[in-house]
Amino acid sequence: MTPTLPQIAAAVERVYSVTLAQLRRLEKTENVSEARQVAMFLARERTTETWEAIGTFFERDRTTVHHAHRAIFERKVEDRKLRQTIEALALALDGLRHLSPPVALGDA
């Protein structure tokens, strides 16, 4: 099961101690900016959502989402802490699959 944009945002909110409102605001503090970029990066990497759909969810345009994706992709190569944070978030999002109710044998 692919995570949803709200699930990605919630995971990032917990790790970065920010709110969805902060992720959507024009706030440019380093913590909020990084959290927003990581959320948009994960949204693009872990979902089939378009640049436009991700931008709409985070109240940004598609070029901002593209910039965020590229920036995080490049930064995580050199920044071990950022890379570990993204890997931990990806694992947490993968774990959401295991929270889904099991399919009954007759439903498969």
C-alpha atoms as a PDB file:
ATOM      1  CA  MET A   1       0.000   0.000   0.000  1.00  0.00           C
ATOM      2  CA  THR A   2       1.382   3.382  -1.014  1.00  0.00           C
ATOM      3  CA  PRO A   3       1.361   6.026   1.720  1.00  0.00           C
ATOM      4  CA  THR A   4      -0.935   9.000   1.244  1.00  0.00           C
ATOM      5  CA  LEU A   5       0.148  12.616   1.298  1.00  0.00           C
ATOM      6  CA  PRO A   6      -1.498  13.134   4.727  1.00  0.00           C
ATOM      7  CA  GLN A   7       0.366  10.068   6.082  1.00  0.00           C
ATOM      8  CA  ILE A   8       3.679  11.407   4.780  1.00  0.00           C
ATOM      9  CA  ALA A   9       2.968  14.821   6.252  1.00  0.00           C
ATOM     10  CA  ALA A  10       2.033  13.264   9.622  1.00  0.00           C
ATOM     11  CA  ALA A  11       5.267  11.243   9.739  1.00  0.00           C
ATOM     12  CA  VAL A  12       7.340  14.339   8.938  1.00  0.00           C
ATOM     13  CA  GLU A  13       5.387  16.366  11.496  1.00  0.00           C
ATOM     14  CA  ARG A  14       6.324  13.883  14.238  1.00  0.00           C
ATOM     15  CA  VAL A  15      10.016  13.725  13.341  1.00  0.00           C
ATOM     16  CA  TYR A  16      10.496  17.475  12.884  1.00  0.00           C
ATOM     17  CA  SER A  17       8.030  18.610  15.588  1.00  0.00           C
ATOM     18  CA  VAL A  18       6.089  20.801  13.180  1.00  0.00           C
ATOM     19  CA  THR A  19       2.434  20.997  12.203  1.00  0.00           C
ATOM     20  CA  LEU A  20       0.762  20.636   8.837  1.00  0.00           C
ATOM     21  CA  ALA A  21      -0.141  24.315   9.063  1.00  0.00           C
ATOM     22  CA  GLN A  22       3.558  25.151   9.412  1.00  0.00           C
ATOM     23  CA  LEU A  23       4.442  22.928   6.458  1.00  0.00           C
ATOM     24  CA  ARG A  24       1.903  24.813   4.361  1.00  0.00           C
ATOM     25  CA  ARG A  25       2.803  28.321   5.570  1.00  0.00           C
ATOM     26  CA  LEU A  26       5.414  30.519   3.965  1.00  0.00           C
ATOM     27  CA  GLU A  27       7.491  30.107   7.129  1.00  0.00           C
ATOM     28  CA  LYS A  28      11.165  29.868   6.244  1.00  0.00           C
ATOM     29  CA  THR A  29      12.823  28.830   9.477  1.00  0.00           C
ATOM     30  CA  GLU A  30      15.452  26.182   8.806  1.00  0.00           C
ATOM     31  CA  ASN A  31      13.597  23.394  10.624  1.00  0.00           C
ATOM     32  CA  VAL A  32      10.272  24.058   8.898  1.00  0.00           C
ATOM     33  CA  SER A  33      11.870  24.534   5.480  1.00  0.00           C
ATOM     34  CA  GLU A  34      13.791  21.276   5.756  1.00  0.00           C
ATOM     35  CA  ALA A  35      10.709  19.434   7.016  1.00  0.00           C
ATOM     36  CA  ARG A  36       8.647  20.772   4.098  1.00  0.00           C
ATOM     37  CA  GLN A  37      11.316  19.800   1.561  1.00  0.00           C
ATOM     38  CA  VAL A  38      11.685  16.323   3.057  1.00  0.00           C
ATOM     39  CA  ALA A  39       7.905  15.841   2.996  1.00  0.00           C
ATOM     40  CA  MET A  40       7.725  16.871  -0.654  1.00  0.00           C
ATOM     41  CA  PHE A  41      10.723  14.664  -1.490  1.00  0.00           C
ATOM     42  CA  LEU A  42       9.119  11.639   0.174  1.00  0.00           C
ATOM     43  CA  ALA A  43       5.782  12.417  -1.463  1.00  0.00           C
ATOM     44  CA  ARG A  44       7.411  12.280  -4.870  1.00  0.00           C
ATOM     45  CA  GLU A  45       9.530   9.212  -4.087  1.00  0.00           C
ATOM     46  CA  ARG A  46       6.916   7.131  -2.243  1.00  0.00           C
ATOM     47  CA  THR A  47       3.701   7.952  -4.098  1.00  0.00           C
ATOM     48  CA  THR A  48       2.484   8.176  -7.667  1.00  0.00           C
ATOM     49  CA  GLU A  49       1.238  11.723  -7.103  1.00  0.00           C
ATOM     50  CA  THR A  50       2.190  14.327  -9.696  1.00  0.00           C
ATOM     51  CA  TRP A  51       4.342  17.379  -8.989  1.00  0.00           C
ATOM     52  CA  GLU A  52       1.124  19.421  -9.219  1.00  0.00           C
ATOM     53  CA  ALA A  53      -0.836  17.257  -6.760  1.00  0.00           C
ATOM     54  CA  ILE A  54       1.987  17.373  -4.222  1.00  0.00           C
ATOM     55  CA  GLY A  55       2.231  21.123  -4.665  1.00  0.00           C
ATOM     56  CA  THR A  56      -1.502  21.518  -4.150  1.00  0.00           C
ATOM     57  CA  PHE A  57      -1.390  19.501  -0.931  1.00  0.00           C
ATOM     58  CA  PHE A  58       1.476  21.595   0.473  1.00  0.00           C
ATOM     59  CA  GLU A  59       0.061  24.820  -1.012  1.00  0.00           C
ATOM     60  CA  ARG A  60       3.016  25.283  -3.359  1.00  0.00           C
ATOM     61  CA  ASP A  61       3.415  25.165  -7.110  1.00  0.00           C
ATOM     62  CA  ARG A  62       4.947  22.265  -9.007  1.00  0.00           C
ATOM     63  CA  THR A  63       8.254  24.073  -9.557  1.00  0.00           C
ATOM     64  CA  THR A  64       8.702  24.459  -5.796  1.00  0.00           C
ATOM     65  CA  VAL A  65       8.094  20.726  -5.335  1.00  0.00           C
ATOM     66  CA  HIS A  66      10.597  19.957  -8.084  1.00  0.00           C
ATOM     67  CA  HIS A  67      13.166  22.265  -6.473  1.00  0.00           C
ATOM     68  CA  ALA A  68      12.612  20.658  -3.054  1.00  0.00           C
ATOM     69  CA  HIS A  69      13.004  17.167  -4.506  1.00  0.00           C
ATOM     70  CA  ARG A  70      16.237  18.074  -6.278  1.00  0.00           C
ATOM     71  CA  ALA A  71      17.630  19.913  -3.242  1.00  0.00           C
ATOM     72  CA  ILE A  72      16.988  17.019  -0.840  1.00  0.00           C
ATOM     73  CA  PHE A  73      18.213  14.449  -3.371  1.00  0.00           C
ATOM     74  CA  GLU A  74      21.518  16.325  -3.653  1.00  0.00           C
ATOM     75  CA  ARG A  75      21.882  17.175   0.057  1.00  0.00           C
ATOM     76  CA  LYS A  76      21.288  13.653   1.315  1.00  0.00           C
ATOM     77  CA  VAL A  77      24.391  12.444  -0.551  1.00  0.00           C
ATOM     78  CA  GLU A  78      26.652  14.527   1.716  1.00  0.00           C
ATOM     79  CA  ASP A  79      24.470  14.970   4.828  1.00  0.00           C
ATOM     80  CA  ARG A  80      24.460  11.721   6.800  1.00  0.00           C
ATOM     81  CA  LYS A  81      21.955  12.956   9.396  1.00  0.00           C
ATOM     82  CA  LEU A  82      19.490  14.004   6.685  1.00  0.00           C
ATOM     83  CA  ARG A  83      19.952  10.690   4.884  1.00  0.00           C
ATOM     84  CA  GLN A  84      19.296   8.769   8.125  1.00  0.00           C
ATOM     85  CA  THR A  85      16.194  10.856   8.819  1.00  0.00           C
ATOM     86  CA  ILE A  86      14.819  10.144   5.346  1.00  0.00           C
ATOM     87  CA  GLU A  87      15.598   6.440   5.667  1.00  0.00           C
ATOM     88  CA  ALA A  88      13.841   6.302   9.062  1.00  0.00           C
ATOM     89  CA  LEU A  89      10.805   8.086   7.642  1.00  0.00           C
ATOM     90  CA  ALA A  90      10.726   5.735   4.653  1.00  0.00           C
ATOM     91  CA  LEU A  91      10.808   2.719   6.982  1.00  0.00           C
ATOM     92  CA  ALA A  92       8.013   4.198   9.086  1.00  0.00           C
ATOM     93  CA  LEU A  93       5.938   4.781   5.957  1.00  0.00           C
ATOM     94  CA  ASP A  94       6.625   1.232   4.787  1.00  0.00           C
ATOM     95  CA  GLY A  95       5.416   0.064   8.204  1.00  0.00           C
ATOM     96  CA  LEU A  96       2.025   1.630   7.511  1.00  0.00           C
ATOM     97  CA  ARG A  97       1.355  -1.314   5.224  1.00  0.00           C
ATOM     98  CA  HIS A  98       1.463  -3.588   8.233  1.00  0.00           C
ATOM     99  CA  LEU A  99      -1.161  -1.497  10.000  1.00  0.00           C
ATOM    100  CA  SER A 100      -3.766  -2.233   7.348  1.00  0.00           C
ATOM    101  CA  PRO A 101      -6.411  -4.766   8.379  1.00  0.00           C
ATOM    102  CA  PRO A 102      -5.664  -8.244   7.040  1.00  0.00           C
ATOM    103  CA  VAL A 103      -7.649  -9.437   4.055  1.00  0.00           C
ATOM    104  CA  ALA A 104     -10.030 -12.269   4.904  1.00  0.00           C
ATOM    105  CA  LEU A 105      -9.396 -15.430   2.932  1.00  0.00           C
ATOM    106  CA  GLY A 106     -12.765 -15.163   1.213  1.00  0.00           C
ATOM    107  CA  ASP A 107     -11.983 -11.572   0.117  1.00  0.00           C
ATOM    108  CA  ALA A 108      -8.698 -12.306  -1.649  1.00  0.00           C
END
